[in-house]
Amino acid sequence: MDRLEAESFARDLTEGFDVPAEAAGKTAARVDAPMKDSILRLYRSALTVGAEWEPAPARVSAPCMVFWGALDPACQIEFGRELGRALHAPKIVELDCNHWTVLQRPAEVAAAPEAHWGA
């Protein structure tokens, strides 16, 4: 994480995760030292990342929704489906994109909660 550089990260986003080049460059430029530290603290906060957090979604009582990239190689769609079931989400929005849903399908991502809240 300390060696992560904006230029190579932007290239990885574009080539490996199908993020449009302009969005990848803007995103990568914002990955600064405090963000890197936050990411590392999050990942290091569990001995087995995610497993210690799994019981919490079942306690969520607010109406919720999950949106996920159906082509995500980092966290496959089944993980998003399982999360939706754990949260008792009435809707799991499967977007035709990769890991970075907000960058790849901004209009669809914006429409999803509007439809959810309007229901």
PDB file of N, CA and C in Angstrom:
ATOM      1  N   MET A   1       0.834  -1.186   0.000  1.00  0.00           N
ATOM      2  CA  MET A   1       0.000   0.000   0.000  1.00  0.00           C
ATOM      3  C   MET A   1       0.881   1.253   0.000  1.00  0.00           C
ATOM      4  N   ASP A   2       1.996   1.211   0.741  1.00  0.00           N
ATOM      5  CA  ASP A   2       2.899   2.366   0.762  1.00  0.00           C
ATOM      6  C   ASP A   2       3.484   2.666  -0.613  1.00  0.00           C
ATOM      7  N   ARG A   3       3.661   1.626  -1.406  1.00  0.00           N
ATOM      8  CA  ARG A   3       4.263   1.795  -2.724  1.00  0.00           C
ATOM      9  C   ARG A   3       3.250   2.044  -3.832  1.00  0.00           C
ATOM     10  N   LEU A   4       1.974   2.066  -3.485  1.00  0.00           N
ATOM     11  CA  LEU A   4       0.938   2.297  -4.483  1.00  0.00           C
ATOM     12  C   LEU A   4       1.107   3.694  -5.083  1.00  0.00           C
ATOM     13  N   GLU A   5       1.235   3.746  -6.390  1.00  0.00           N
ATOM     14  CA  GLU A   5       1.416   5.016  -7.091  1.00  0.00           C
ATOM     15  C   GLU A   5       0.209   5.270  -7.985  1.00  0.00           C
ATOM     16  N   ALA A   6      -0.168   6.521  -8.091  1.00  0.00           N
ATOM     17  CA  ALA A   6      -1.373   6.897  -8.825  1.00  0.00           C
ATOM     18  C   ALA A   6      -1.361   6.393 -10.271  1.00  0.00           C
ATOM     19  N   GLU A   7      -0.258   6.564 -10.956  1.00  0.00           N
ATOM     20  CA  GLU A   7      -0.207   6.196 -12.373  1.00  0.00           C
ATOM     21  C   GLU A   7      -0.427   4.701 -12.586  1.00  0.00           C
ATOM     22  N   SER A   8       0.272   3.874 -11.812  1.00  0.00           N
ATOM     23  CA  SER A   8       0.117   2.423 -11.987  1.00  0.00           C
ATOM     24  C   SER A   8      -1.247   1.952 -11.482  1.00  0.00           C
ATOM     25  N   PHE A   9      -1.751   2.575 -10.431  1.00  0.00           N
ATOM     26  CA  PHE A   9      -3.073   2.219  -9.921  1.00  0.00           C
ATOM     27  C   PHE A   9      -4.152   2.555 -10.952  1.00  0.00           C
ATOM     28  N   ALA A  10      -4.049   3.712 -11.568  1.00  0.00           N
ATOM     29  CA  ALA A  10      -4.999   4.099 -12.622  1.00  0.00           C
ATOM     30  C   ALA A  10      -4.953   3.102 -13.771  1.00  0.00           C
ATOM     31  N   ARG A  11      -3.770   2.692 -14.149  1.00  0.00           N
ATOM     32  CA  ARG A  11      -3.621   1.709 -15.231  1.00  0.00           C
ATOM     33  C   ARG A  11      -4.266   0.380 -14.827  1.00  0.00           C
ATOM     34  N   ASP A  12      -4.043  -0.046 -13.582  1.00  0.00           N
ATOM     35  CA  ASP A  12      -4.650  -1.288 -13.101  1.00  0.00           C
ATOM     36  C   ASP A  12      -6.178  -1.193 -13.101  1.00  0.00           C
ATOM     37  N   LEU A  13      -6.699  -0.042 -12.707  1.00  0.00           N
ATOM     38  CA  LEU A  13      -8.151   0.147 -12.707  1.00  0.00           C
ATOM     39  C   LEU A  13      -8.717   0.032 -14.118  1.00  0.00           C
ATOM     40  N   THR A  14      -8.023   0.634 -15.068  1.00  0.00           N
ATOM     41  CA  THR A  14      -8.487   0.631 -16.452  1.00  0.00           C
ATOM     42  C   THR A  14      -8.341  -0.749 -17.085  1.00  0.00           C
ATOM     43  N   GLU A  15      -7.178  -1.340 -16.939  1.00  0.00           N
ATOM     44  CA  GLU A  15      -6.896  -2.609 -17.616  1.00  0.00           C
ATOM     45  C   GLU A  15      -7.505  -3.815 -16.899  1.00  0.00           C
ATOM     46  N   GLY A  16      -7.487  -3.805 -15.589  1.00  0.00           N
ATOM     47  CA  GLY A  16      -7.954  -4.977 -14.850  1.00  0.00           C
ATOM     48  C   GLY A  16      -9.389  -4.915 -14.389  1.00  0.00           C
ATOM     49  N   PHE A  17      -9.924  -3.699 -14.291  1.00  0.00           N
ATOM     50  CA  PHE A  17     -11.270  -3.560 -13.732  1.00  0.00           C
ATOM     51  C   PHE A  17     -12.217  -2.771 -14.620  1.00  0.00           C
ATOM     52  N   ASP A  18     -11.808  -2.514 -15.851  1.00  0.00           N
ATOM     53  CA  ASP A  18     -12.680  -1.870 -16.849  1.00  0.00           C
ATOM     54  C   ASP A  18     -13.188  -0.485 -16.450  1.00  0.00           C
ATOM     55  N   VAL A  19     -12.439   0.227 -15.622  1.00  0.00           N
ATOM     56  CA  VAL A  19     -12.827   1.588 -15.243  1.00  0.00           C
ATOM     57  C   VAL A  19     -12.407   2.521 -16.378  1.00  0.00           C
ATOM     58  N   PRO A  20     -13.287   3.419 -16.808  1.00  0.00           N
ATOM     59  CA  PRO A  20     -12.899   4.381 -17.843  1.00  0.00           C
ATOM     60  C   PRO A  20     -11.641   5.144 -17.430  1.00  0.00           C
ATOM     61  N   ALA A  21     -10.754   5.401 -18.382  1.00  0.00           N
ATOM     62  CA  ALA A  21      -9.438   5.984 -18.087  1.00  0.00           C
ATOM     63  C   ALA A  21      -9.528   7.301 -17.321  1.00  0.00           C
ATOM     64  N   GLU A  22     -10.423   8.182 -17.721  1.00  0.00           N
ATOM     65  CA  GLU A  22     -10.520   9.474 -17.034  1.00  0.00           C
ATOM     66  C   GLU A  22     -10.931   9.289 -15.575  1.00  0.00           C
ATOM     67  N   ALA A  23     -11.929   8.450 -15.327  1.00  0.00           N
ATOM     68  CA  ALA A  23     -12.375   8.191 -13.951  1.00  0.00           C
ATOM     69  C   ALA A  23     -11.288   7.490 -13.150  1.00  0.00           C
ATOM     70  N   ALA A  24     -10.569   6.578 -13.782  1.00  0.00           N
ATOM     71  CA  ALA A  24      -9.481   5.868 -13.101  1.00  0.00           C
ATOM     72  C   ALA A  24      -8.391   6.844 -12.666  1.00  0.00           C
ATOM     73  N   GLY A  25      -8.032   7.757 -13.538  1.00  0.00           N
ATOM     74  CA  GLY A  25      -6.997   8.742 -13.201  1.00  0.00           C
ATOM     75  C   GLY A  25      -7.418   9.637 -12.053  1.00  0.00           C
ATOM     76  N   LYS A  26      -8.662  10.109 -12.090  1.00  0.00           N
ATOM     77  CA  LYS A  26      -9.153  10.974 -11.009  1.00  0.00           C
ATOM     78  C   LYS A  26      -9.232  10.217  -9.685  1.00  0.00           C
ATOM     79  N   THR A  27      -9.673   8.985  -9.757  1.00  0.00           N
ATOM     80  CA  THR A  27      -9.787   8.171  -8.540  1.00  0.00           C
ATOM     81  C   THR A  27      -8.407   7.888  -7.953  1.00  0.00           C
ATOM     82  N   ALA A  28      -7.502   7.440  -8.778  1.00  0.00           N
ATOM     83  CA  ALA A  28      -6.158   7.089  -8.314  1.00  0.00           C
ATOM     84  C   ALA A  28      -5.440   8.299  -7.717  1.00  0.00           C
ATOM     85  N   ALA A  29      -5.676   9.472  -8.268  1.00  0.00           N
ATOM     86  CA  ALA A  29      -5.021  10.685  -7.765  1.00  0.00           C
ATOM     87  C   ALA A  29      -5.472  11.033  -6.348  1.00  0.00           C
ATOM     88  N   ARG A  30      -6.617  10.521  -5.944  1.00  0.00           N
ATOM     89  CA  ARG A  30      -7.158  10.842  -4.615  1.00  0.00           C
ATOM     90  C   ARG A  30      -6.745   9.835  -3.537  1.00  0.00           C
ATOM     91  N   VAL A  31      -6.025   8.807  -3.918  1.00  0.00           N
ATOM     92  CA  VAL A  31      -5.573   7.814  -2.945  1.00  0.00           C
ATOM     93  C   VAL A  31      -4.316   8.362  -2.274  1.00  0.00           C
ATOM     94  N   ASP A  32      -4.541   9.015  -1.151  1.00  0.00           N
ATOM     95  CA  ASP A  32      -3.439   9.660  -0.438  1.00  0.00           C
ATOM     96  C   ASP A  32      -3.059   8.859   0.812  1.00  0.00           C
ATOM     97  N   ALA A  33      -2.108   9.366   1.571  1.00  0.00           N
ATOM     98  CA  ALA A  33      -1.610   8.655   2.752  1.00  0.00           C
ATOM     99  C   ALA A  33      -2.707   8.367   3.772  1.00  0.00           C
ATOM    100  N   PRO A  34      -3.576   9.332   4.121  1.00  0.00           N
ATOM    101  CA  PRO A  34      -4.648   9.003   5.086  1.00  0.00           C
ATOM    102  C   PRO A  34      -5.596   7.904   4.576  1.00  0.00           C
ATOM    103  N   MET A  35      -5.889   7.905   3.260  1.00  0.00           N
ATOM    104  CA  MET A  35      -6.766   6.862   2.726  1.00  0.00           C
ATOM    105  C   MET A  35      -6.070   5.513   2.786  1.00  0.00           C
ATOM    106  N   LYS A  36      -4.804   5.464   2.412  1.00  0.00           N
ATOM    107  CA  LYS A  36      -4.052   4.212   2.479  1.00  0.00           C
ATOM    108  C   LYS A  36      -4.040   3.685   3.908  1.00  0.00           C
ATOM    109  N   ASP A  37      -3.817   4.571   4.858  1.00  0.00           N
ATOM    110  CA  ASP A  37      -3.802   4.184   6.267  1.00  0.00           C
ATOM    111  C   ASP A  37      -5.167   3.636   6.693  1.00  0.00           C
ATOM    112  N   SER A  38      -6.232   4.287   6.259  1.00  0.00           N
ATOM    113  CA  SER A  38      -7.584   3.827   6.599  1.00  0.00           C
ATOM    114  C   SER A  38      -7.857   2.444   6.024  1.00  0.00           C
ATOM    115  N   ILE A  39      -7.468   2.237   4.779  1.00  0.00           N
ATOM    116  CA  ILE A  39      -7.676   0.942   4.135  1.00  0.00           C
ATOM    117  C   ILE A  39      -6.915  -0.146   4.881  1.00  0.00           C
ATOM    118  N   LEU A  40      -5.656   0.136   5.203  1.00  0.00           N
ATOM    119  CA  LEU A  40      -4.857  -0.858   5.919  1.00  0.00           C
ATOM    120  C   LEU A  40      -5.434  -1.148   7.298  1.00  0.00           C
ATOM    121  N   ARG A  41      -5.890  -0.116   7.995  1.00  0.00           N
ATOM    122  CA  ARG A  41      -6.494  -0.328   9.327  1.00  0.00           C
ATOM    123  C   ARG A  41      -7.751  -1.189   9.220  1.00  0.00           C
ATOM    124  N   LEU A  42      -8.556  -0.933   8.205  1.00  0.00           N
ATOM    125  CA  LEU A  42      -9.768  -1.732   8.004  1.00  0.00           C
ATOM    126  C   LEU A  42      -9.409  -3.193   7.765  1.00  0.00           C
ATOM    127  N   TYR A  43      -8.518  -3.436   6.821  1.00  0.00           N
ATOM    128  CA  TYR A  43      -8.156  -4.816   6.501  1.00  0.00           C
ATOM    129  C   TYR A  43      -7.459  -5.518   7.661  1.00  0.00           C
ATOM    130  N   ARG A  44      -6.710  -4.773   8.445  1.00  0.00           N
ATOM    131  CA  ARG A  44      -6.001  -5.381   9.572  1.00  0.00           C
ATOM    132  C   ARG A  44      -6.869  -5.501  10.817  1.00  0.00           C
ATOM    133  N   SER A  45      -8.083  -4.971  10.770  1.00  0.00           N
ATOM    134  CA  SER A  45      -8.943  -4.980  11.952  1.00  0.00           C
ATOM    135  C   SER A  45      -9.553  -6.349  12.211  1.00  0.00           C
ATOM    136  N   ALA A  46      -9.430  -7.248  11.295  1.00  0.00           N
ATOM    137  CA  ALA A  46      -9.949  -8.601  11.476  1.00  0.00           C
ATOM    138  C   ALA A  46      -8.850  -9.597  11.168  1.00  0.00           C
ATOM    139  N   LEU A  47      -8.796 -10.655  11.959  1.00  0.00           N
ATOM    140  CA  LEU A  47      -7.805 -11.688  11.686  1.00  0.00           C
ATOM    141  C   LEU A  47      -8.141 -12.414  10.395  1.00  0.00           C
ATOM    142  N   THR A  48      -9.396 -12.632  10.171  1.00  0.00           N
ATOM    143  CA  THR A  48      -9.866 -13.200   8.906  1.00  0.00           C
ATOM    144  C   THR A  48     -10.836 -12.178   8.334  1.00  0.00           C
ATOM    145  N   VAL A  49     -10.372 -11.411   7.378  1.00  0.00           N
ATOM    146  CA  VAL A  49     -11.126 -10.277   6.856  1.00  0.00           C
ATOM    147  C   VAL A  49     -12.526 -10.723   6.456  1.00  0.00           C
ATOM    148  N   GLY A  50     -13.498 -10.050   7.020  1.00  0.00           N
ATOM    149  CA  GLY A  50     -14.893 -10.311   6.688  1.00  0.00           C
ATOM    150  C   GLY A  50     -15.559 -11.298   7.616  1.00  0.00           C
ATOM    151  N   ALA A  51     -14.911 -12.397   7.965  1.00  0.00           N
ATOM    152  CA  ALA A  51     -15.553 -13.431   8.776  1.00  0.00           C
ATOM    153  C   ALA A  51     -16.017 -12.886  10.120  1.00  0.00           C
ATOM    154  N   GLU A  52     -15.226 -12.008  10.711  1.00  0.00           N
ATOM    155  CA  GLU A  52     -15.602 -11.450  12.008  1.00  0.00           C
ATOM    156  C   GLU A  52     -16.730 -10.432  11.888  1.00  0.00           C
ATOM    157  N   TRP A  53     -16.960  -9.947  10.686  1.00  0.00           N
ATOM    158  CA  TRP A  53     -18.012  -8.950  10.473  1.00  0.00           C
ATOM    159  C   TRP A  53     -19.321  -9.588  10.017  1.00  0.00           C
ATOM    160  N   GLU A  54     -19.287 -10.861   9.628  1.00  0.00           N
ATOM    161  CA  GLU A  54     -20.450 -11.503   9.027  1.00  0.00           C
ATOM    162  C   GLU A  54     -21.704 -11.510   9.891  1.00  0.00           C
ATOM    163  N   PRO A  55     -21.645 -11.688  11.201  1.00  0.00           N
ATOM    164  CA  PRO A  55     -22.892 -11.709  11.979  1.00  0.00           C
ATOM    165  C   PRO A  55     -23.639 -10.371  12.008  1.00  0.00           C
ATOM    166  N   ALA A  56     -22.947  -9.280  11.829  1.00  0.00           N
ATOM    167  CA  ALA A  56     -23.562  -7.960  11.962  1.00  0.00           C
ATOM    168  C   ALA A  56     -24.696  -7.690  10.971  1.00  0.00           C
ATOM    169  N   PRO A  57     -24.610  -8.069   9.701  1.00  0.00           N
ATOM    170  CA  PRO A  57     -25.706  -7.753   8.784  1.00  0.00           C
ATOM    171  C   PRO A  57     -27.066  -8.317   9.213  1.00  0.00           C
ATOM    172  N   ALA A  58     -27.078  -9.444   9.873  1.00  0.00           N
ATOM    173  CA  ALA A  58     -28.345 -10.030  10.307  1.00  0.00           C
ATOM    174  C   ALA A  58     -29.055  -9.147  11.328  1.00  0.00           C
ATOM    175  N   ARG A  59     -28.319  -8.253  11.974  1.00  0.00           N
ATOM    176  CA  ARG A  59     -28.916  -7.354  12.971  1.00  0.00           C
ATOM    177  C   ARG A  59     -29.414  -6.047  12.371  1.00  0.00           C
ATOM    178  N   VAL A  60     -29.204  -5.837  11.082  1.00  0.00           N
ATOM    179  CA  VAL A  60     -29.663  -4.607  10.426  1.00  0.00           C
ATOM    180  C   VAL A  60     -31.180  -4.634  10.354  1.00  0.00           C
ATOM    181  N   SER A  61     -31.795  -3.544  10.800  1.00  0.00           N
ATOM    182  CA  SER A  61     -33.260  -3.504  10.788  1.00  0.00           C
ATOM    183  C   SER A  61     -33.810  -2.481   9.797  1.00  0.00           C
ATOM    184  N   ALA A  62     -32.973  -1.603   9.295  1.00  0.00           N
ATOM    185  CA  ALA A  62     -33.426  -0.602   8.326  1.00  0.00           C
ATOM    186  C   ALA A  62     -33.587  -1.247   6.954  1.00  0.00           C
ATOM    187  N   PRO A  63     -34.556  -0.770   6.175  1.00  0.00           N
ATOM    188  CA  PRO A  63     -34.676  -1.295   4.807  1.00  0.00           C
ATOM    189  C   PRO A  63     -33.373  -1.007   4.051  1.00  0.00           C
ATOM    190  N   CYS A  64     -32.916  -1.970   3.297  1.00  0.00           N
ATOM    191  CA  CYS A  64     -31.635  -1.778   2.620  1.00  0.00           C
ATOM    192  C   CYS A  64     -31.685  -2.376   1.223  1.00  0.00           C
ATOM    193  N   MET A  65     -30.623  -2.111   0.501  1.00  0.00           N
ATOM    194  CA  MET A  65     -30.488  -2.581  -0.861  1.00  0.00           C
ATOM    195  C   MET A  65     -29.004  -2.853  -1.104  1.00  0.00           C
ATOM    196  N   VAL A  66     -28.712  -3.814  -1.942  1.00  0.00           N
ATOM    197  CA  VAL A  66     -27.339  -4.121  -2.312  1.00  0.00           C
ATOM    198  C   VAL A  66     -27.226  -3.949  -3.819  1.00  0.00           C
ATOM    199  N   PHE A  67     -26.184  -3.245  -4.264  1.00  0.00           N
ATOM    200  CA  PHE A  67     -25.884  -3.232  -5.698  1.00  0.00           C
ATOM    201  C   PHE A  67     -24.477  -3.757  -5.882  1.00  0.00           C
ATOM    202  N   TRP A  68     -24.294  -4.540  -6.957  1.00  0.00           N
ATOM    203  CA  TRP A  68     -23.039  -5.258  -7.126  1.00  0.00           C
ATOM    204  C   TRP A  68     -22.723  -5.413  -8.599  1.00  0.00           C
ATOM    205  N   GLY A  69     -21.462  -5.411  -8.925  1.00  0.00           N
ATOM    206  CA  GLY A  69     -21.024  -5.668 -10.295  1.00  0.00           C
ATOM    207  C   GLY A  69     -21.031  -7.153 -10.584  1.00  0.00           C
ATOM    208  N   ALA A  70     -21.836  -7.569 -11.539  1.00  0.00           N
ATOM    209  CA  ALA A  70     -21.966  -8.992 -11.864  1.00  0.00           C
ATOM    210  C   ALA A  70     -20.672  -9.596 -12.402  1.00  0.00           C
ATOM    211  N   LEU A  71     -19.769  -8.760 -12.892  1.00  0.00           N
ATOM    212  CA  LEU A  71     -18.512  -9.238 -13.481  1.00  0.00           C
ATOM    213  C   LEU A  71     -17.313  -9.005 -12.561  1.00  0.00           C
ATOM    214  N   ASP A  72     -17.556  -8.741 -11.292  1.00  0.00           N
ATOM    215  CA  ASP A  72     -16.508  -8.401 -10.331  1.00  0.00           C
ATOM    216  C   ASP A  72     -15.600  -9.598 -10.063  1.00  0.00           C
ATOM    217  N   PRO A  73     -14.306  -9.517 -10.461  1.00  0.00           N
ATOM    218  CA  PRO A  73     -13.394 -10.632 -10.195  1.00  0.00           C
ATOM    219  C   PRO A  73     -12.843 -10.615  -8.768  1.00  0.00           C
ATOM    220  N   ALA A  74     -12.891  -9.466  -8.114  1.00  0.00           N
ATOM    221  CA  ALA A  74     -12.338  -9.346  -6.766  1.00  0.00           C
ATOM    222  C   ALA A  74     -13.314  -9.868  -5.710  1.00  0.00           C
ATOM    223  N   CYS A  75     -14.561  -9.528  -5.854  1.00  0.00           N
ATOM    224  CA  CYS A  75     -15.634  -9.980  -4.955  1.00  0.00           C
ATOM    225  C   CYS A  75     -16.773 -10.432  -5.854  1.00  0.00           C
ATOM    226  N   GLN A  76     -16.821 -11.691  -6.119  1.00  0.00           N
ATOM    227  CA  GLN A  76     -17.762 -12.205  -7.111  1.00  0.00           C
ATOM    228  C   GLN A  76     -19.217 -11.978  -6.717  1.00  0.00           C
ATOM    229  N   ILE A  77     -20.075 -12.021  -7.717  1.00  0.00           N
ATOM    230  CA  ILE A  77     -21.485 -11.689  -7.546  1.00  0.00           C
ATOM    231  C   ILE A  77     -22.149 -12.513  -6.449  1.00  0.00           C
ATOM    232  N   GLU A  78     -21.722 -13.734  -6.259  1.00  0.00           N
ATOM    233  CA  GLU A  78     -22.340 -14.555  -5.205  1.00  0.00           C
ATOM    234  C   GLU A  78     -22.145 -13.917  -3.832  1.00  0.00           C
ATOM    235  N   PHE A  79     -21.023 -13.246  -3.625  1.00  0.00           N
ATOM    236  CA  PHE A  79     -20.804 -12.545  -2.361  1.00  0.00           C
ATOM    237  C   PHE A  79     -21.850 -11.450  -2.188  1.00  0.00           C
ATOM    238  N   GLY A  80     -22.129 -10.692  -3.248  1.00  0.00           N
ATOM    239  CA  GLY A  80     -23.155  -9.659  -3.189  1.00  0.00           C
ATOM    240  C   GLY A  80     -24.527 -10.238  -2.915  1.00  0.00           C
ATOM    241  N   ARG A  81     -24.824 -11.376  -3.522  1.00  0.00           N
ATOM    242  CA  ARG A  81     -26.111 -12.039  -3.281  1.00  0.00           C
ATOM    243  C   ARG A  81     -26.226 -12.506  -1.836  1.00  0.00           C
ATOM    244  N   GLU A  82     -25.137 -13.086  -1.319  1.00  0.00           N
ATOM    245  CA  GLU A  82     -25.141 -13.531   0.077  1.00  0.00           C
ATOM    246  C   GLU A  82     -25.298 -12.348   1.027  1.00  0.00           C
ATOM    247  N   LEU A  83     -24.638 -11.253   0.719  1.00  0.00           N
ATOM    248  CA  LEU A  83     -24.782 -10.052   1.534  1.00  0.00           C
ATOM    249  C   LEU A  83     -26.231  -9.579   1.528  1.00  0.00           C
ATOM    250  N   GLY A  84     -26.836  -9.555   0.356  1.00  0.00           N
ATOM    251  CA  GLY A  84     -28.236  -9.161   0.258  1.00  0.00           C
ATOM    252  C   GLY A  84     -29.147 -10.038   1.085  1.00  0.00           C
ATOM    253  N   ARG A  85     -28.924 -11.345   1.040  1.00  0.00           N
ATOM    254  CA  ARG A  85     -29.737 -12.268   1.842  1.00  0.00           C
ATOM    255  C   ARG A  85     -29.512 -12.029   3.331  1.00  0.00           C
ATOM    256  N   ALA A  86     -28.253 -11.823   3.732  1.00  0.00           N
ATOM    257  CA  ALA A  86     -27.938 -11.593   5.142  1.00  0.00           C
ATOM    258  C   ALA A  86     -28.595 -10.313   5.658  1.00  0.00           C
ATOM    259  N   LEU A  87     -28.686  -9.311   4.787  1.00  0.00           N
ATOM    260  CA  LEU A  87     -29.292  -8.032   5.163  1.00  0.00           C
ATOM    261  C   LEU A  87     -30.823  -8.035   5.029  1.00  0.00           C
ATOM    262  N   HIS A  88     -31.349  -9.131   4.518  1.00  0.00           N
ATOM    263  CA  HIS A  88     -32.794  -9.217   4.235  1.00  0.00           C
ATOM    264  C   HIS A  88     -33.195  -8.121   3.248  1.00  0.00           C
ATOM    265  N   ALA A  89     -32.307  -7.845   2.324  1.00  0.00           N
ATOM    266  CA  ALA A  89     -32.550  -6.800   1.318  1.00  0.00           C
ATOM    267  C   ALA A  89     -33.630  -7.280   0.349  1.00  0.00           C
ATOM    268  N   PRO A  90     -34.637  -6.465   0.127  1.00  0.00           N
ATOM    269  CA  PRO A  90     -35.676  -6.871  -0.816  1.00  0.00           C
ATOM    270  C   PRO A  90     -35.197  -6.864  -2.265  1.00  0.00           C
ATOM    271  N   LYS A  91     -34.082  -6.171  -2.523  1.00  0.00           N
ATOM    272  CA  LYS A  91     -33.594  -6.064  -3.895  1.00  0.00           C
ATOM    273  C   LYS A  91     -32.077  -6.117  -3.899  1.00  0.00           C
ATOM    274  N   ILE A  92     -31.552  -6.934  -4.800  1.00  0.00           N
ATOM    275  CA  ILE A  92     -30.113  -6.985  -5.067  1.00  0.00           C
ATOM    276  C   ILE A  92     -29.963  -6.577  -6.516  1.00  0.00           C
ATOM    277  N   VAL A  93     -29.361  -5.419  -6.730  1.00  0.00           N
ATOM    278  CA  VAL A  93     -29.197  -4.883  -8.075  1.00  0.00           C
ATOM    279  C   VAL A  93     -27.881  -5.404  -8.637  1.00  0.00           C
ATOM    280  N   GLU A  94     -27.974  -6.234  -9.652  1.00  0.00           N
ATOM    281  CA  GLU A  94     -26.792  -6.794 -10.294  1.00  0.00           C
ATOM    282  C   GLU A  94     -26.513  -5.987 -11.556  1.00  0.00           C
ATOM    283  N   LEU A  95     -25.430  -5.227 -11.512  1.00  0.00           N
ATOM    284  CA  LEU A  95     -25.075  -4.352 -12.627  1.00  0.00           C
ATOM    285  C   LEU A  95     -24.100  -5.052 -13.571  1.00  0.00           C
ATOM    286  N   ASP A  96     -24.235  -4.779 -14.839  1.00  0.00           N
ATOM    287  CA  ASP A  96     -23.371  -5.355 -15.857  1.00  0.00           C
ATOM    288  C   ASP A  96     -22.046  -4.592 -15.878  1.00  0.00           C
ATOM    289  N   CYS A  97     -21.238  -4.836 -14.848  1.00  0.00           N
ATOM    290  CA  CYS A  97     -19.945  -4.163 -14.749  1.00  0.00           C
ATOM    291  C   CYS A  97     -19.058  -4.953 -13.811  1.00  0.00           C
ATOM    292  N   ASN A  98     -17.922  -4.382 -13.506  1.00  0.00           N
ATOM    293  CA  ASN A  98     -16.865  -4.995 -12.743  1.00  0.00           C
ATOM    294  C   ASN A  98     -16.939  -4.542 -11.283  1.00  0.00           C
ATOM    295  N   HIS A  99     -15.821  -4.447 -10.615  1.00  0.00           N
ATOM    296  CA  HIS A  99     -15.722  -4.142  -9.189  1.00  0.00           C
ATOM    297  C   HIS A  99     -16.086  -2.701  -8.831  1.00  0.00           C
ATOM    298  N   TRP A 100     -15.764  -1.781  -9.683  1.00  0.00           N
ATOM    299  CA  TRP A 100     -15.917  -0.358  -9.373  1.00  0.00           C
ATOM    300  C   TRP A 100     -17.245   0.157  -9.942  1.00  0.00           C
ATOM    301  N   THR A 101     -18.331  -0.310  -9.381  1.00  0.00           N
ATOM    302  CA  THR A 101     -19.666  -0.029  -9.911  1.00  0.00           C
ATOM    303  C   THR A 101     -19.970   1.458 -10.040  1.00  0.00           C
ATOM    304  N   VAL A 102     -19.583   2.234  -9.057  1.00  0.00           N
ATOM    305  CA  VAL A 102     -19.898   3.667  -9.060  1.00  0.00           C
ATOM    306  C   VAL A 102     -19.187   4.386 -10.204  1.00  0.00           C
ATOM    307  N   LEU A 103     -17.996   3.941 -10.545  1.00  0.00           N
ATOM    308  CA  LEU A 103     -17.250   4.553 -11.635  1.00  0.00           C
ATOM    309  C   LEU A 103     -17.691   4.025 -13.002  1.00  0.00           C
ATOM    310  N   GLN A 104     -18.127   2.787 -13.039  1.00  0.00           N
ATOM    311  CA  GLN A 104     -18.460   2.163 -14.309  1.00  0.00           C
ATOM    312  C   GLN A 104     -19.914   2.388 -14.736  1.00  0.00           C
ATOM    313  N   ARG A 105     -20.801   2.458 -13.788  1.00  0.00           N
ATOM    314  CA  ARG A 105     -22.223   2.617 -14.085  1.00  0.00           C
ATOM    315  C   ARG A 105     -22.844   3.679 -13.174  1.00  0.00           C
ATOM    316  N   PRO A 106     -22.336   4.922 -13.239  1.00  0.00           N
ATOM    317  CA  PRO A 106     -22.811   5.947 -12.296  1.00  0.00           C
ATOM    318  C   PRO A 106     -24.308   6.226 -12.388  1.00  0.00           C
ATOM    319  N   ALA A 107     -24.861   6.249 -13.571  1.00  0.00           N
ATOM    320  CA  ALA A 107     -26.290   6.550 -13.706  1.00  0.00           C
ATOM    321  C   ALA A 107     -27.139   5.441 -13.085  1.00  0.00           C
ATOM    322  N   GLU A 108     -26.765   4.193 -13.342  1.00  0.00           N
ATOM    323  CA  GLU A 108     -27.517   3.071 -12.795  1.00  0.00           C
ATOM    324  C   GLU A 108     -27.392   3.003 -11.279  1.00  0.00           C
ATOM    325  N   VAL A 109     -26.182   3.277 -10.772  1.00  0.00           N
ATOM    326  CA  VAL A 109     -25.970   3.282  -9.327  1.00  0.00           C
ATOM    327  C   VAL A 109     -26.808   4.386  -8.678  1.00  0.00           C
ATOM    328  N   ALA A 110     -26.840   5.564  -9.278  1.00  0.00           N
ATOM    329  CA  ALA A 110     -27.638   6.670  -8.740  1.00  0.00           C
ATOM    330  C   ALA A 110     -29.127   6.349  -8.792  1.00  0.00           C
ATOM    331  N   ALA A 111     -29.573   5.684  -9.832  1.00  0.00           N
ATOM    332  CA  ALA A 111     -30.994   5.362  -9.976  1.00  0.00           C
ATOM    333  C   ALA A 111     -31.443   4.292  -8.990  1.00  0.00           C
ATOM    334  N   ALA A 112     -30.555   3.386  -8.626  1.00  0.00           N
ATOM    335  CA  ALA A 112     -30.928   2.264  -7.756  1.00  0.00           C
ATOM    336  C   ALA A 112     -31.474   2.721  -6.406  1.00  0.00           C
ATOM    337  N   PRO A 113     -30.780   3.581  -5.655  1.00  0.00           N
ATOM    338  CA  PRO A 113     -31.356   3.999  -4.372  1.00  0.00           C
ATOM    339  C   PRO A 113     -32.590   4.887  -4.547  1.00  0.00           C
ATOM    340  N   GLU A 114     -32.645   5.662  -5.621  1.00  0.00           N
ATOM    341  CA  GLU A 114     -33.840   6.471  -5.850  1.00  0.00           C
ATOM    342  C   GLU A 114     -35.055   5.562  -6.041  1.00  0.00           C
ATOM    343  N   ALA A 115     -34.896   4.483  -6.811  1.00  0.00           N
ATOM    344  CA  ALA A 115     -35.986   3.530  -6.990  1.00  0.00           C
ATOM    345  C   ALA A 115     -36.303   2.820  -5.682  1.00  0.00           C
ATOM    346  N   HIS A 116     -35.258   2.485  -4.933  1.00  0.00           N
ATOM    347  CA  HIS A 116     -35.426   1.788  -3.646  1.00  0.00           C
ATOM    348  C   HIS A 116     -36.200   2.659  -2.658  1.00  0.00           C
ATOM    349  N   TRP A 117     -35.802   3.921  -2.537  1.00  0.00           N
ATOM    350  CA  TRP A 117     -36.461   4.812  -1.582  1.00  0.00           C
ATOM    351  C   TRP A 117     -37.871   5.181  -2.027  1.00  0.00           C
ATOM    352  N   GLY A 118     -38.085   5.192  -3.346  1.00  0.00           N
ATOM    353  CA  GLY A 118     -39.395   5.554  -3.855  1.00  0.00           C
ATOM    354  C   GLY A 118     -40.393   4.415  -3.782  1.00  0.00           C
ATOM    355  N   ALA A 119     -39.907   3.205  -3.517  1.00  0.00           N
ATOM    356  CA  ALA A 119     -40.806   2.040  -3.498  1.00  0.00           C
ATOM    357  C   ALA A 119     -41.664   2.016  -2.261  1.00  0.00           C
TER     358      ALA A 119
END
